[in-house]
């Protein structure tokens, strides 16, 4: 694999990591909003605070970010002739 391919794969893995993390936060906000509106709690309207996952709670988020960082860093050094 060439250096260019490593840069592209590294960027893709880091973007996927960010998308997974963002999706988790959006789902948490939507579930809290649905429960606050009473749709998911059958009209009881219980108090719901947000419980956001930290960066290291999901294995795939930090694994894809770390793998992407390694591939991106590995793709930048160039051979001097």
PDB file of N, CA and C in Angstrom:
ATOM      1  N   UNK A   1       0.844  -1.182   0.000  1.00  0.00           N
ATOM      2  CA  UNK A   1       0.000   0.000   0.000  1.00  0.00           C
ATOM      3  C   UNK A   1       0.882   1.235   0.000  1.00  0.00           C
ATOM      4  N   UNK A   2       0.465   2.204  -0.757  1.00  0.00           N
ATOM      5  CA  UNK A   2       1.226   3.433  -0.821  1.00  0.00           C
ATOM      6  C   UNK A   2       0.862   4.387   0.289  1.00  0.00           C
ATOM      7  N   UNK A   3       1.637   5.441   0.387  1.00  0.00           N
ATOM      8  CA  UNK A   3       1.391   6.446   1.422  1.00  0.00           C
ATOM      9  C   UNK A   3       0.058   7.149   1.210  1.00  0.00           C
ATOM     10  N   UNK A   4      -0.317   7.331  -0.048  1.00  0.00           N
ATOM     11  CA  UNK A   4      -1.572   8.028  -0.342  1.00  0.00           C
ATOM     12  C   UNK A   4      -2.780   7.230   0.152  1.00  0.00           C
ATOM     13  N   UNK A   5      -2.727   5.917  -0.014  1.00  0.00           N
ATOM     14  CA  UNK A   5      -3.827   5.057   0.430  1.00  0.00           C
ATOM     15  C   UNK A   5      -3.934   5.077   1.955  1.00  0.00           C
ATOM     16  N   UNK A   6      -2.810   5.082   2.647  1.00  0.00           N
ATOM     17  CA  UNK A   6      -2.832   5.133   4.116  1.00  0.00           C
ATOM     18  C   UNK A   6      -3.443   6.436   4.614  1.00  0.00           C
ATOM     19  N   UNK A   7      -3.140   7.536   3.938  1.00  0.00           N
ATOM     20  CA  UNK A   7      -3.736   8.818   4.333  1.00  0.00           C
ATOM     21  C   UNK A   7      -5.247   8.795   4.160  1.00  0.00           C
ATOM     22  N   UNK A   8      -5.718   8.245   3.053  1.00  0.00           N
ATOM     23  CA  UNK A   8      -7.159   8.198   2.789  1.00  0.00           C
ATOM     24  C   UNK A   8      -7.856   7.282   3.785  1.00  0.00           C
ATOM     25  N   UNK A   9      -7.293   6.092   4.012  1.00  0.00           N
ATOM     26  CA  UNK A   9      -7.906   5.173   4.976  1.00  0.00           C
ATOM     27  C   UNK A   9      -7.895   5.748   6.389  1.00  0.00           C
ATOM     28  N   UNK A  10      -6.816   6.415   6.774  1.00  0.00           N
ATOM     29  CA  UNK A  10      -6.750   7.041   8.087  1.00  0.00           C
ATOM     30  C   UNK A  10      -7.821   8.101   8.266  1.00  0.00           C
ATOM     31  N   UNK A  11      -8.001   8.920   7.235  1.00  0.00           N
ATOM     32  CA  UNK A  11      -9.036   9.959   7.316  1.00  0.00           C
ATOM     33  C   UNK A  11     -10.429   9.340   7.372  1.00  0.00           C
ATOM     34  N   UNK A  12     -10.651   8.280   6.608  1.00  0.00           N
ATOM     35  CA  UNK A  12     -11.965   7.620   6.619  1.00  0.00           C
ATOM     36  C   UNK A  12     -12.261   7.013   7.984  1.00  0.00           C
ATOM     37  N   UNK A  13     -11.276   6.342   8.585  1.00  0.00           N
ATOM     38  CA  UNK A  13     -11.492   5.755   9.911  1.00  0.00           C
ATOM     39  C   UNK A  13     -11.769   6.832  10.956  1.00  0.00           C
ATOM     40  N   UNK A  14     -11.085   7.955  10.887  1.00  0.00           N
ATOM     41  CA  UNK A  14     -11.320   9.023  11.858  1.00  0.00           C
ATOM     42  C   UNK A  14     -12.695   9.655  11.659  1.00  0.00           C
ATOM     43  N   UNK A  15     -13.134   9.798  10.417  1.00  0.00           N
ATOM     44  CA  UNK A  15     -14.463  10.350  10.140  1.00  0.00           C
ATOM     45  C   UNK A  15     -15.544   9.390  10.616  1.00  0.00           C
ATOM     46  N   UNK A  16     -15.363   8.084  10.392  1.00  0.00           N
ATOM     47  CA  UNK A  16     -16.335   7.093  10.866  1.00  0.00           C
ATOM     48  C   UNK A  16     -16.424   7.124  12.389  1.00  0.00           C
ATOM     49  N   UNK A  17     -15.288   7.268  13.050  1.00  0.00           N
ATOM     50  CA  UNK A  17     -15.282   7.368  14.503  1.00  0.00           C
ATOM     51  C   UNK A  17     -16.098   8.572  14.977  1.00  0.00           C
ATOM     52  N   UNK A  18     -15.906   9.699  14.327  1.00  0.00           N
ATOM     53  CA  UNK A  18     -16.657  10.900  14.697  1.00  0.00           C
ATOM     54  C   UNK A  18     -18.146  10.742  14.408  1.00  0.00           C
ATOM     55  N   UNK A  19     -18.484  10.073  13.307  1.00  0.00           N
ATOM     56  CA  UNK A  19     -19.899   9.866  12.988  1.00  0.00           C
ATOM     57  C   UNK A  19     -20.577   8.941  14.000  1.00  0.00           C
ATOM     58  N   UNK A  20     -19.901   7.906  14.431  1.00  0.00           N
ATOM     59  CA  UNK A  20     -20.471   7.008  15.440  1.00  0.00           C
ATOM     60  C   UNK A  20     -20.697   7.766  16.747  1.00  0.00           C
ATOM     61  N   UNK A  21     -19.716   8.558  17.157  1.00  0.00           N
ATOM     62  CA  UNK A  21     -19.835   9.313  18.402  1.00  0.00           C
ATOM     63  C   UNK A  21     -20.977  10.334  18.321  1.00  0.00           C
ATOM     64  N   UNK A  22     -21.079  11.007  17.184  1.00  0.00           N
ATOM     65  CA  UNK A  22     -22.145  11.992  16.999  1.00  0.00           C
ATOM     66  C   UNK A  22     -23.511  11.321  16.968  1.00  0.00           C
ATOM     67  N   UNK A  23     -23.604  10.166  16.325  1.00  0.00           N
ATOM     68  CA  UNK A  23     -24.872   9.437  16.266  1.00  0.00           C
ATOM     69  C   UNK A  23     -25.326   9.008  17.656  1.00  0.00           C
ATOM     70  N   UNK A  24     -24.404   8.582  18.490  1.00  0.00           N
ATOM     71  CA  UNK A  24     -24.759   8.221  19.867  1.00  0.00           C
ATOM     72  C   UNK A  24     -25.338   9.415  20.618  1.00  0.00           C
ATOM     73  N   UNK A  25     -24.746  10.568  20.438  1.00  0.00           N
ATOM     74  CA  UNK A  25     -25.236  11.760  21.133  1.00  0.00           C
ATOM     75  C   UNK A  25     -26.610  12.182  20.603  1.00  0.00           C
ATOM     76  N   UNK A  26     -26.829  12.059  19.308  1.00  0.00           N
ATOM     77  CA  UNK A  26     -28.130  12.421  18.731  1.00  0.00           C
ATOM     78  C   UNK A  26     -29.217  11.470  19.229  1.00  0.00           C
ATOM     79  N   UNK A  27     -28.916  10.177  19.257  1.00  0.00           N
ATOM     80  CA  UNK A  27     -29.901   9.193  19.734  1.00  0.00           C
ATOM     81  C   UNK A  27     -30.232   9.442  21.200  1.00  0.00           C
ATOM     82  N   UNK A  28     -29.244   9.781  22.004  1.00  0.00           N
ATOM     83  CA  UNK A  28     -29.490  10.067  23.422  1.00  0.00           C
ATOM     84  C   UNK A  28     -30.391  11.288  23.583  1.00  0.00           C
ATOM     85  N   UNK A  29     -30.148  12.310  22.791  1.00  0.00           N
ATOM     86  CA  UNK A  29     -30.964  13.524  22.882  1.00  0.00           C
ATOM     87  C   UNK A  29     -32.393  13.255  22.415  1.00  0.00           C
ATOM     88  N   UNK A  30     -32.548  12.468  21.356  1.00  0.00           N
ATOM     89  CA  UNK A  30     -33.885  12.130  20.883  1.00  0.00           C
ATOM     90  C   UNK A  30     -34.650  11.261  21.879  1.00  0.00           C
ATOM     91  N   UNK A  31     -33.984  10.297  22.476  1.00  0.00           N
ATOM     92  CA  UNK A  31     -34.675   9.441  23.444  1.00  0.00           C
ATOM     93  C   UNK A  31     -35.090  10.233  24.678  1.00  0.00           C
ATOM     94  N   UNK A  32     -34.264  11.174  25.091  1.00  0.00           N
ATOM     95  CA  UNK A  32     -34.639  12.021  26.230  1.00  0.00           C
ATOM     96  C   UNK A  32     -35.808  12.934  25.873  1.00  0.00           C
ATOM     97  N   UNK A  33     -35.817  13.426  24.648  1.00  0.00           N
ATOM     98  CA  UNK A  33     -36.919  14.299  24.223  1.00  0.00           C
ATOM     99  C   UNK A  33     -38.226  13.524  24.114  1.00  0.00           C
ATOM    100  N   UNK A  34     -38.148  12.290  23.606  1.00  0.00           N
ATOM    101  CA  UNK A  34     -39.357  11.476  23.509  1.00  0.00           C
ATOM    102  C   UNK A  34     -39.915  11.130  24.889  1.00  0.00           C
ATOM    103  N   UNK A  35     -39.057  10.831  25.809  1.00  0.00           N
ATOM    104  CA  UNK A  35     -39.525  10.507  27.154  1.00  0.00           C
ATOM    105  C   UNK A  35     -40.058  11.748  27.853  1.00  0.00           C
ATOM    106  N   UNK A  36     -39.418  12.887  27.622  1.00  0.00           N
ATOM    107  CA  UNK A  36     -39.913  14.129  28.234  1.00  0.00           C
ATOM    108  C   UNK A  36     -41.271  14.514  27.664  1.00  0.00           C
ATOM    109  N   UNK A  37     -41.503  14.194  26.405  1.00  0.00           N
ATOM    110  CA  UNK A  37     -42.795  14.498  25.792  1.00  0.00           C
ATOM    111  C   UNK A  37     -43.874  13.509  26.213  1.00  0.00           C
ATOM    112  N   UNK A  38     -43.474  12.381  26.787  1.00  0.00           N
ATOM    113  CA  UNK A  38     -44.452  11.423  27.273  1.00  0.00           C
ATOM    114  C   UNK A  38     -44.777  10.312  26.307  1.00  0.00           C
ATOM    115  N   UNK A  39     -44.158  10.286  25.141  1.00  0.00           N
ATOM    116  CA  UNK A  39     -44.468   9.252  24.154  1.00  0.00           C
ATOM    117  C   UNK A  39     -43.917   7.894  24.556  1.00  0.00           C
ATOM    118  N   UNK A  40     -42.741   7.848  25.115  1.00  0.00           N
ATOM    119  CA  UNK A  40     -42.129   6.571  25.457  1.00  0.00           C
ATOM    120  C   UNK A  40     -42.447   6.140  26.881  1.00  0.00           C
ATOM    121  N   UNK A  41     -43.020   7.018  27.667  1.00  0.00           N
ATOM    122  CA  UNK A  41     -43.288   6.680  29.059  1.00  0.00           C
ATOM    123  C   UNK A  41     -44.787   6.566  29.346  1.00  0.00           C
ATOM    124  N   UNK A  42     -45.589   6.422  28.319  1.00  0.00           N
ATOM    125  CA  UNK A  42     -47.039   6.258  28.440  1.00  0.00           C
ATOM    126  C   UNK A  42     -47.694   7.398  29.201  1.00  0.00           C
ATOM    127  N   UNK A  43     -47.212   8.591  28.954  1.00  0.00           N
ATOM    128  CA  UNK A  43     -47.845   9.772  29.511  1.00  0.00           C
ATOM    129  C   UNK A  43     -47.424  10.154  30.911  1.00  0.00           C
ATOM    130  N   UNK A  44     -46.469   9.457  31.517  1.00  0.00           N
ATOM    131  CA  UNK A  44     -46.086   9.799  32.885  1.00  0.00           C
ATOM    132  C   UNK A  44     -45.206  11.038  32.921  1.00  0.00           C
ATOM    133  N   UNK A  45     -44.431  11.302  31.870  1.00  0.00           N
ATOM    134  CA  UNK A  45     -43.630  12.519  31.811  1.00  0.00           C
ATOM    135  C   UNK A  45     -42.559  12.597  32.877  1.00  0.00           C
ATOM    136  N   UNK A  46     -41.808  11.532  33.063  1.00  0.00           N
ATOM    137  CA  UNK A  46     -40.774  11.532  34.088  1.00  0.00           C
ATOM    138  C   UNK A  46     -39.628  12.468  33.702  1.00  0.00           C
ATOM    139  N   UNK A  47     -38.926  12.947  34.725  1.00  0.00           N
ATOM    140  CA  UNK A  47     -37.793  13.838  34.496  1.00  0.00           C
ATOM    141  C   UNK A  47     -36.632  13.028  33.927  1.00  0.00           C
ATOM    142  N   UNK A  48     -36.058  13.498  32.852  1.00  0.00           N
ATOM    143  CA  UNK A  48     -34.985  12.760  32.183  1.00  0.00           C
ATOM    144  C   UNK A  48     -33.822  13.713  31.931  1.00  0.00           C
ATOM    145  N   UNK A  49     -32.669  13.375  32.472  1.00  0.00           N
ATOM    146  CA  UNK A  49     -31.471  14.151  32.186  1.00  0.00           C
ATOM    147  C   UNK A  49     -30.637  13.394  31.163  1.00  0.00           C
ATOM    148  N   UNK A  50     -29.816  14.123  30.456  1.00  0.00           N
ATOM    149  CA  UNK A  50     -28.984  13.508  29.429  1.00  0.00           C
ATOM    150  C   UNK A  50     -27.853  12.725  30.074  1.00  0.00           C
ATOM    151  N   UNK A  51     -27.596  11.571  29.518  1.00  0.00           N
ATOM    152  CA  UNK A  51     -26.469  10.755  29.958  1.00  0.00           C
ATOM    153  C   UNK A  51     -25.618  10.457  28.733  1.00  0.00           C
ATOM    154  N   UNK A  52     -24.720  11.367  28.411  1.00  0.00           N
ATOM    155  CA  UNK A  52     -23.879  11.193  27.238  1.00  0.00           C
ATOM    156  C   UNK A  52     -22.748  10.218  27.539  1.00  0.00           C
ATOM    157  N   UNK A  53     -22.474   9.370  26.570  1.00  0.00           N
ATOM    158  CA  UNK A  53     -21.363   8.444  26.685  1.00  0.00           C
ATOM    159  C   UNK A  53     -20.057   9.230  26.573  1.00  0.00           C
ATOM    160  N   UNK A  54     -19.061   8.807  27.302  1.00  0.00           N
ATOM    161  CA  UNK A  54     -17.761   9.443  27.140  1.00  0.00           C
ATOM    162  C   UNK A  54     -17.066   8.836  25.922  1.00  0.00           C
ATOM    163  N   UNK A  55     -15.945   9.386  25.561  1.00  0.00           N
ATOM    164  CA  UNK A  55     -15.235   8.968  24.357  1.00  0.00           C
ATOM    165  C   UNK A  55     -14.779   7.512  24.450  1.00  0.00           C
ATOM    166  N   UNK A  56     -14.421   7.051  25.628  1.00  0.00           N
ATOM    167  CA  UNK A  56     -13.867   5.714  25.785  1.00  0.00           C
ATOM    168  C   UNK A  56     -14.905   4.668  26.172  1.00  0.00           C
ATOM    169  N   UNK A  57     -16.180   5.020  26.250  1.00  0.00           N
ATOM    170  CA  UNK A  57     -17.217   4.047  26.603  1.00  0.00           C
ATOM    171  C   UNK A  57     -17.540   3.096  25.453  1.00  0.00           C
ATOM    172  N   UNK A  58     -17.494   3.578  24.238  1.00  0.00           N
ATOM    173  CA  UNK A  58     -17.755   2.740  23.077  1.00  0.00           C
ATOM    174  C   UNK A  58     -16.423   2.299  22.487  1.00  0.00           C
ATOM    175  N   UNK A  59     -16.234   0.990  22.376  1.00  0.00           N
ATOM    176  CA  UNK A  59     -14.973   0.437  21.876  1.00  0.00           C
ATOM    177  C   UNK A  59     -14.683   0.896  20.449  1.00  0.00           C
ATOM    178  N   UNK A  60     -15.691   0.914  19.600  1.00  0.00           N
ATOM    179  CA  UNK A  60     -15.468   1.223  18.191  1.00  0.00           C
ATOM    180  C   UNK A  60     -15.071   2.673  17.965  1.00  0.00           C
ATOM    181  N   UNK A  61     -15.545   3.584  18.791  1.00  0.00           N
ATOM    182  CA  UNK A  61     -15.207   4.994  18.612  1.00  0.00           C
ATOM    183  C   UNK A  61     -13.718   5.207  18.807  1.00  0.00           C
ATOM    184  N   UNK A  62     -13.187   4.790  19.917  1.00  0.00           N
ATOM    185  CA  UNK A  62     -11.768   5.051  20.140  1.00  0.00           C
ATOM    186  C   UNK A  62     -10.878   4.134  19.312  1.00  0.00           C
ATOM    187  N   UNK A  63     -11.339   2.897  18.999  1.00  0.00           N
ATOM    188  CA  UNK A  63     -10.542   1.994  18.173  1.00  0.00           C
ATOM    189  C   UNK A  63     -10.406   2.534  16.753  1.00  0.00           C
ATOM    190  N   UNK A  64     -11.522   2.984  16.156  1.00  0.00           N
ATOM    191  CA  UNK A  64     -11.450   3.546  14.806  1.00  0.00           C
ATOM    192  C   UNK A  64     -10.633   4.830  14.793  1.00  0.00           C
ATOM    193  N   UNK A  65     -10.759   5.646  15.837  1.00  0.00           N
ATOM    194  CA  UNK A  65      -9.986   6.882  15.887  1.00  0.00           C
ATOM    195  C   UNK A  65      -8.492   6.576  16.002  1.00  0.00           C
ATOM    196  N   UNK A  66      -8.134   5.636  16.865  1.00  0.00           N
ATOM    197  CA  UNK A  66      -6.733   5.269  17.046  1.00  0.00           C
ATOM    198  C   UNK A  66      -6.159   4.632  15.779  1.00  0.00           C
ATOM    199  N   UNK A  67      -6.918   3.732  15.162  1.00  0.00           N
ATOM    200  CA  UNK A  67      -6.478   3.098  13.928  1.00  0.00           C
ATOM    201  C   UNK A  67      -6.333   4.129  12.807  1.00  0.00           C
ATOM    202  N   UNK A  68      -7.269   5.050  12.714  1.00  0.00           N
ATOM    203  CA  UNK A  68      -7.185   6.112  11.717  1.00  0.00           C
ATOM    204  C   UNK A  68      -5.994   7.010  11.950  1.00  0.00           C
ATOM    205  N   UNK A  69      -5.722   7.318  13.203  1.00  0.00           N
ATOM    206  CA  UNK A  69      -4.560   8.157  13.515  1.00  0.00           C
ATOM    207  C   UNK A  69      -3.262   7.452  13.138  1.00  0.00           C
ATOM    208  N   UNK A  70      -3.175   6.157  13.438  1.00  0.00           N
ATOM    209  CA  UNK A  70      -1.971   5.405  13.078  1.00  0.00           C
ATOM    210  C   UNK A  70      -1.778   5.345  11.568  1.00  0.00           C
ATOM    211  N   UNK A  71      -2.848   5.061  10.831  1.00  0.00           N
ATOM    212  CA  UNK A  71      -2.739   5.019   9.379  1.00  0.00           C
ATOM    213  C   UNK A  71      -2.394   6.381   8.793  1.00  0.00           C
ATOM    214  N   UNK A  72      -2.979   7.418   9.334  1.00  0.00           N
ATOM    215  CA  UNK A  72      -2.694   8.762   8.850  1.00  0.00           C
ATOM    216  C   UNK A  72      -1.254   9.152   9.147  1.00  0.00           C
ATOM    217  N   UNK A  73      -0.783   8.833  10.331  1.00  0.00           N
ATOM    218  CA  UNK A  73       0.603   9.152  10.686  1.00  0.00           C
ATOM    219  C   UNK A  73       1.582   8.310   9.882  1.00  0.00           C
ATOM    220  N   UNK A  74       1.216   7.065   9.597  1.00  0.00           N
ATOM    221  CA  UNK A  74       2.084   6.185   8.823  1.00  0.00           C
ATOM    222  C   UNK A  74       2.160   6.629   7.352  1.00  0.00           C
ATOM    223  N   UNK A  75       1.132   7.307   6.875  1.00  0.00           N
ATOM    224  CA  UNK A  75       1.099   7.725   5.480  1.00  0.00           C
ATOM    225  C   UNK A  75       1.882   8.983   5.184  1.00  0.00           C
ATOM    226  N   UNK A  76       2.261   9.762   6.192  1.00  0.00           N
ATOM    227  CA  UNK A  76       2.930  11.033   5.926  1.00  0.00           C
ATOM    228  C   UNK A  76       4.441  10.947   5.700  1.00  0.00           C
ATOM    229  N   UNK A  77       5.187  10.101   6.402  1.00  0.00           N
ATOM    230  CA  UNK A  77       6.631  10.083   6.138  1.00  0.00           C
ATOM    231  C   UNK A  77       6.938   9.668   4.702  1.00  0.00           C
ATOM    232  N   UNK A  78       7.890  10.367   4.104  1.00  0.00           N
ATOM    233  CA  UNK A  78       8.270  10.053   2.736  1.00  0.00           C
ATOM    234  C   UNK A  78       9.738   9.681   2.707  1.00  0.00           C
ATOM    235  N   UNK A  79      10.091   8.820   1.792  1.00  0.00           N
ATOM    236  CA  UNK A  79      11.463   8.365   1.672  1.00  0.00           C
ATOM    237  C   UNK A  79      12.305   9.438   0.988  1.00  0.00           C
ATOM    238  N   UNK A  80      13.477   9.702   1.520  1.00  0.00           N
ATOM    239  CA  UNK A  80      14.410  10.631   0.900  1.00  0.00           C
ATOM    240  C   UNK A  80      15.419   9.844   0.090  1.00  0.00           C
ATOM    241  N   UNK A  81      15.593  10.214  -1.159  1.00  0.00           N
ATOM    242  CA  UNK A  81      16.536   9.508  -2.024  1.00  0.00           C
ATOM    243  C   UNK A  81      17.742  10.365  -2.304  1.00  0.00           C
TER     244      UNK A  81
END
